[in-house]
């Protein structure tokens, strides 16, 4: 009897199973998209935390010896101090570049990227920093990616 019912309603059962398969597939796809969004937001938060941690470390290092303050205020640095400060500025510029690249890859929040871009543009307008930037570009210590970042963030 059950076998006869199944045979006589085979098409309806197949159609129902197919519809159920579509619904389950759609729900699975929706859950996957939701999970990917959660993962992406978690990754952005993690990237943001690491960038801020690195920024604090570099900022602390660059301000530690007072060389930056001396240079910005027009004070004279000897060759060794200038070399040290150039290396520290290079680290700082590379940090900004990593934020820029993360922004392009949507690996950080828009707010974090805007904050760093604003900070970079203001920092790079300081006469000593601007001069150092130009010298570092000319000597190829900074790449075309650095120049692209500055153009995109500050000249737009």
C-alpha atoms as a PDB file:
ATOM      1  CA  UNK A   1       0.000   0.000   0.000  1.00  0.00           C
ATOM      2  CA  UNK A   2       2.757   2.491   0.934  1.00  0.00           C
ATOM      3  CA  UNK A   3       4.656   1.433  -2.160  1.00  0.00           C
ATOM      4  CA  UNK A   4       1.579   2.109  -4.322  1.00  0.00           C
ATOM      5  CA  UNK A   5       1.133   5.565  -2.776  1.00  0.00           C
ATOM      6  CA  UNK A   6       4.782   6.371  -3.387  1.00  0.00           C
ATOM      7  CA  UNK A   7       4.587   5.148  -6.977  1.00  0.00           C
ATOM      8  CA  UNK A   8       1.397   7.031  -7.723  1.00  0.00           C
ATOM      9  CA  UNK A   9       2.740  10.311  -6.247  1.00  0.00           C
ATOM     10  CA  UNK A  10       6.352   9.981  -7.439  1.00  0.00           C
ATOM     11  CA  UNK A  11       6.311  13.213  -9.425  1.00  0.00           C
ATOM     12  CA  UNK A  12       4.882  15.240  -6.550  1.00  0.00           C
ATOM     13  CA  UNK A  13       7.390  13.734  -4.137  1.00  0.00           C
ATOM     14  CA  UNK A  14      10.282  14.493  -6.506  1.00  0.00           C
ATOM     15  CA  UNK A  15       9.061  18.067  -7.005  1.00  0.00           C
ATOM     16  CA  UNK A  16       8.724  18.551  -3.243  1.00  0.00           C
ATOM     17  CA  UNK A  17      12.196  17.118  -2.647  1.00  0.00           C
ATOM     18  CA  UNK A  18      13.647  19.374  -5.344  1.00  0.00           C
ATOM     19  CA  UNK A  19      11.992  22.433  -3.781  1.00  0.00           C
ATOM     20  CA  UNK A  20      13.228  21.413  -0.346  1.00  0.00           C
ATOM     21  CA  UNK A  21      16.745  21.045  -1.826  1.00  0.00           C
ATOM     22  CA  UNK A  22      16.564  24.562  -3.265  1.00  0.00           C
ATOM     23  CA  UNK A  23      15.387  26.006   0.072  1.00  0.00           C
ATOM     24  CA  UNK A  24      18.112  24.179   2.027  1.00  0.00           C
ATOM     25  CA  UNK A  25      20.728  25.300  -0.541  1.00  0.00           C
ATOM     26  CA  UNK A  26      19.573  28.918  -0.342  1.00  0.00           C
ATOM     27  CA  UNK A  27      19.643  28.844   3.461  1.00  0.00           C
ATOM     28  CA  UNK A  28      23.127  27.311   3.405  1.00  0.00           C
ATOM     29  CA  UNK A  29      24.320  29.940   0.955  1.00  0.00           C
ATOM     30  CA  UNK A  30      22.845  32.699   3.130  1.00  0.00           C
ATOM     31  CA  UNK A  31      24.508  31.302   6.247  1.00  0.00           C
ATOM     32  CA  UNK A  32      27.832  31.095   4.399  1.00  0.00           C
ATOM     33  CA  UNK A  33      27.587  34.749   3.355  1.00  0.00           C
ATOM     34  CA  UNK A  34      26.701  35.737   6.908  1.00  0.00           C
ATOM     35  CA  UNK A  35      29.672  33.804   8.293  1.00  0.00           C
ATOM     36  CA  UNK A  36      32.006  35.386   5.730  1.00  0.00           C
ATOM     37  CA  UNK A  37      30.835  38.855   6.776  1.00  0.00           C
ATOM     38  CA  UNK A  38      31.442  38.040  10.430  1.00  0.00           C
ATOM     39  CA  UNK A  39      34.908  36.710   9.576  1.00  0.00           C
ATOM     40  CA  UNK A  40      35.723  39.796   7.498  1.00  0.00           C
ATOM     41  CA  UNK A  41      34.668  42.132  10.320  1.00  0.00           C
ATOM     42  CA  UNK A  42      36.757  40.145  12.791  1.00  0.00           C
ATOM     43  CA  UNK A  43      39.746  40.334  10.462  1.00  0.00           C
ATOM     44  CA  UNK A  44      39.324  44.099  10.070  1.00  0.00           C
ATOM     45  CA  UNK A  45      39.207  44.516  13.831  1.00  0.00           C
ATOM     46  CA  UNK A  46      42.305  42.360  14.265  1.00  0.00           C
ATOM     47  CA  UNK A  47      44.181  44.263  11.538  1.00  0.00           C
ATOM     48  CA  UNK A  48      43.133  47.569  13.100  1.00  0.00           C
ATOM     49  CA  UNK A  49      44.348  46.495  16.519  1.00  0.00           C
ATOM     50  CA  UNK A  50      47.732  45.384  15.149  1.00  0.00           C
ATOM     51  CA  UNK A  51      48.169  48.565  13.114  1.00  0.00           C
ATOM     52  CA  UNK A  52      47.375  50.749  16.126  1.00  0.00           C
ATOM     53  CA  UNK A  53      49.781  48.722  18.248  1.00  0.00           C
ATOM     54  CA  UNK A  54      52.523  49.134  15.632  1.00  0.00           C
ATOM     55  CA  UNK A  55      51.757  52.848  15.296  1.00  0.00           C
ATOM     56  CA  UNK A  56      52.120  53.379  19.039  1.00  0.00           C
ATOM     57  CA  UNK A  57      55.408  51.496  19.027  1.00  0.00           C
ATOM     58  CA  UNK A  58      56.846  53.430  16.075  1.00  0.00           C
ATOM     59  CA  UNK A  59      55.573  56.740  17.443  1.00  0.00           C
ATOM     60  CA  UNK A  60      57.149  56.010  20.807  1.00  0.00           C
ATOM     61  CA  UNK A  61      60.443  55.077  19.144  1.00  0.00           C
ATOM     62  CA  UNK A  62      60.550  58.112  16.860  1.00  0.00           C
ATOM     63  CA  UNK A  63      59.774  60.513  19.718  1.00  0.00           C
ATOM     64  CA  UNK A  64      62.007  58.780  22.263  1.00  0.00           C
ATOM     65  CA  UNK A  65      65.320  60.470  21.565  1.00  0.00           C
ATOM     66  CA  UNK A  66      63.906  63.874  20.742  1.00  0.00           C
ATOM     67  CA  UNK A  67      65.466  63.885  17.268  1.00  0.00           C
ATOM     68  CA  UNK A  68      62.148  64.445  15.524  1.00  0.00           C
ATOM     69  CA  UNK A  69      61.259  67.363  17.794  1.00  0.00           C
ATOM     70  CA  UNK A  70      64.712  68.867  17.241  1.00  0.00           C
ATOM     71  CA  UNK A  71      64.451  68.490  13.449  1.00  0.00           C
ATOM     72  CA  UNK A  72      60.912  69.841  13.267  1.00  0.00           C
ATOM     73  CA  UNK A  73      61.810  72.885  15.339  1.00  0.00           C
ATOM     74  CA  UNK A  74      64.689  73.690  12.979  1.00  0.00           C
ATOM     75  CA  UNK A  75      67.458  72.342  15.155  1.00  0.00           C
ATOM     76  CA  UNK A  76      70.579  70.824  13.638  1.00  0.00           C
ATOM     77  CA  UNK A  77      71.253  67.103  13.618  1.00  0.00           C
ATOM     78  CA  UNK A  78      74.632  65.486  13.098  1.00  0.00           C
ATOM     79  CA  UNK A  79      75.064  62.890  10.332  1.00  0.00           C
ATOM     80  CA  UNK A  80      74.468  59.926  12.644  1.00  0.00           C
ATOM     81  CA  UNK A  81      71.323  61.479  14.130  1.00  0.00           C
ATOM     82  CA  UNK A  82      70.029  62.339  10.678  1.00  0.00           C
ATOM     83  CA  UNK A  83      70.607  58.756   9.521  1.00  0.00           C
ATOM     84  CA  UNK A  84      68.790  57.417  12.594  1.00  0.00           C
ATOM     85  CA  UNK A  85      65.848  59.762  12.117  1.00  0.00           C
ATOM     86  CA  UNK A  86      65.636  58.917   8.413  1.00  0.00           C
ATOM     87  CA  UNK A  87      65.365  55.227   9.310  1.00  0.00           C
ATOM     88  CA  UNK A  88      62.631  55.972  11.831  1.00  0.00           C
ATOM     89  CA  UNK A  89      60.734  58.110   9.317  1.00  0.00           C
ATOM     90  CA  UNK A  90      61.055  55.302   6.776  1.00  0.00           C
ATOM     91  CA  UNK A  91      59.402  52.946   9.278  1.00  0.00           C
ATOM     92  CA  UNK A  92      56.629  55.477   9.843  1.00  0.00           C
ATOM     93  CA  UNK A  93      56.053  55.972   6.112  1.00  0.00           C
ATOM     94  CA  UNK A  94      55.929  52.193   5.630  1.00  0.00           C
ATOM     95  CA  UNK A  95      53.335  51.897   8.375  1.00  0.00           C
ATOM     96  CA  UNK A  96      51.174  54.422   6.533  1.00  0.00           C
ATOM     97  CA  UNK A  97      51.747  52.454   3.317  1.00  0.00           C
ATOM     98  CA  UNK A  98      50.601  49.233   4.966  1.00  0.00           C
ATOM     99  CA  UNK A  99      47.401  50.971   6.113  1.00  0.00           C
ATOM    100  CA  UNK A 100      46.909  52.284   2.568  1.00  0.00           C
ATOM    101  CA  UNK A 101      47.312  48.786   1.136  1.00  0.00           C
ATOM    102  CA  UNK A 102      44.996  47.310   3.747  1.00  0.00           C
ATOM    103  CA  UNK A 103      42.433  49.976   2.863  1.00  0.00           C
ATOM    104  CA  UNK A 104      42.653  49.045  -0.814  1.00  0.00           C
ATOM    105  CA  UNK A 105      42.119  45.385   0.069  1.00  0.00           C
ATOM    106  CA  UNK A 106      39.269  46.338   2.444  1.00  0.00           C
ATOM    107  CA  UNK A 107      41.256  44.801   5.290  1.00  0.00           C
ATOM    108  CA  UNK A 108      40.678  47.705   7.693  1.00  0.00           C
ATOM    109  CA  UNK A 109      37.654  49.778   8.563  1.00  0.00           C
ATOM    110  CA  UNK A 110      36.958  52.929   6.613  1.00  0.00           C
ATOM    111  CA  UNK A 111      37.187  54.971   9.818  1.00  0.00           C
ATOM    112  CA  UNK A 112      40.664  53.690  10.627  1.00  0.00           C
ATOM    113  CA  UNK A 113      41.894  54.319   7.089  1.00  0.00           C
ATOM    114  CA  UNK A 114      40.479  57.868   7.107  1.00  0.00           C
ATOM    115  CA  UNK A 115      42.098  58.574  10.454  1.00  0.00           C
ATOM    116  CA  UNK A 116      45.509  57.387   9.257  1.00  0.00           C
ATOM    117  CA  UNK A 117      45.233  59.187   5.918  1.00  0.00           C
ATOM    118  CA  UNK A 118      44.371  62.466   7.668  1.00  0.00           C
ATOM    119  CA  UNK A 119      47.252  61.979  10.093  1.00  0.00           C
ATOM    120  CA  UNK A 120      49.658  61.173   7.256  1.00  0.00           C
ATOM    121  CA  UNK A 121      48.669  64.226   5.221  1.00  0.00           C
ATOM    122  CA  UNK A 122      49.065  66.547   8.193  1.00  0.00           C
ATOM    123  CA  UNK A 123      52.373  64.915   9.168  1.00  0.00           C
ATOM    124  CA  UNK A 124      53.751  65.121   5.632  1.00  0.00           C
ATOM    125  CA  UNK A 125      52.983  68.859   5.437  1.00  0.00           C
ATOM    126  CA  UNK A 126      55.472  69.654   8.211  1.00  0.00           C
ATOM    127  CA  UNK A 127      58.388  71.298   6.348  1.00  0.00           C
ATOM    128  CA  UNK A 128      61.095  68.954   7.679  1.00  0.00           C
ATOM    129  CA  UNK A 129      58.959  65.871   7.001  1.00  0.00           C
ATOM    130  CA  UNK A 130      58.050  67.101   3.525  1.00  0.00           C
ATOM    131  CA  UNK A 131      61.738  67.696   2.759  1.00  0.00           C
ATOM    132  CA  UNK A 132      62.688  64.254   4.105  1.00  0.00           C
ATOM    133  CA  UNK A 133      59.902  62.652   2.050  1.00  0.00           C
ATOM    134  CA  UNK A 134      61.210  64.246  -1.144  1.00  0.00           C
ATOM    135  CA  UNK A 135      64.800  63.196  -0.410  1.00  0.00           C
ATOM    136  CA  UNK A 136      63.716  59.640   0.370  1.00  0.00           C
ATOM    137  CA  UNK A 137      61.708  59.432  -2.871  1.00  0.00           C
ATOM    138  CA  UNK A 138      64.622  60.813  -4.851  1.00  0.00           C
ATOM    139  CA  UNK A 139      67.058  58.327  -3.294  1.00  0.00           C
ATOM    140  CA  UNK A 140      64.528  55.508  -3.870  1.00  0.00           C
ATOM    141  CA  UNK A 141      64.201  54.741  -0.166  1.00  0.00           C
ATOM    142  CA  UNK A 142      60.491  55.206  -0.803  1.00  0.00           C
ATOM    143  CA  UNK A 143      58.751  53.477  -3.697  1.00  0.00           C
ATOM    144  CA  UNK A 144      56.254  54.543  -6.295  1.00  0.00           C
ATOM    145  CA  UNK A 145      53.644  52.940  -4.032  1.00  0.00           C
ATOM    146  CA  UNK A 146      54.470  55.540  -1.387  1.00  0.00           C
ATOM    147  CA  UNK A 147      54.036  58.313  -3.959  1.00  0.00           C
ATOM    148  CA  UNK A 148      50.740  56.795  -5.103  1.00  0.00           C
ATOM    149  CA  UNK A 149      49.545  56.663  -1.489  1.00  0.00           C
ATOM    150  CA  UNK A 150      50.359  60.334  -0.948  1.00  0.00           C
ATOM    151  CA  UNK A 151      48.638  61.320  -4.184  1.00  0.00           C
ATOM    152  CA  UNK A 152      45.546  59.259  -3.368  1.00  0.00           C
ATOM    153  CA  UNK A 153      45.276  60.333   0.260  1.00  0.00           C
ATOM    154  CA  UNK A 154      46.443  63.955   0.160  1.00  0.00           C
ATOM    155  CA  UNK A 155      45.921  65.273  -3.338  1.00  0.00           C
ATOM    156  CA  UNK A 156      42.429  63.918  -3.936  1.00  0.00           C
END
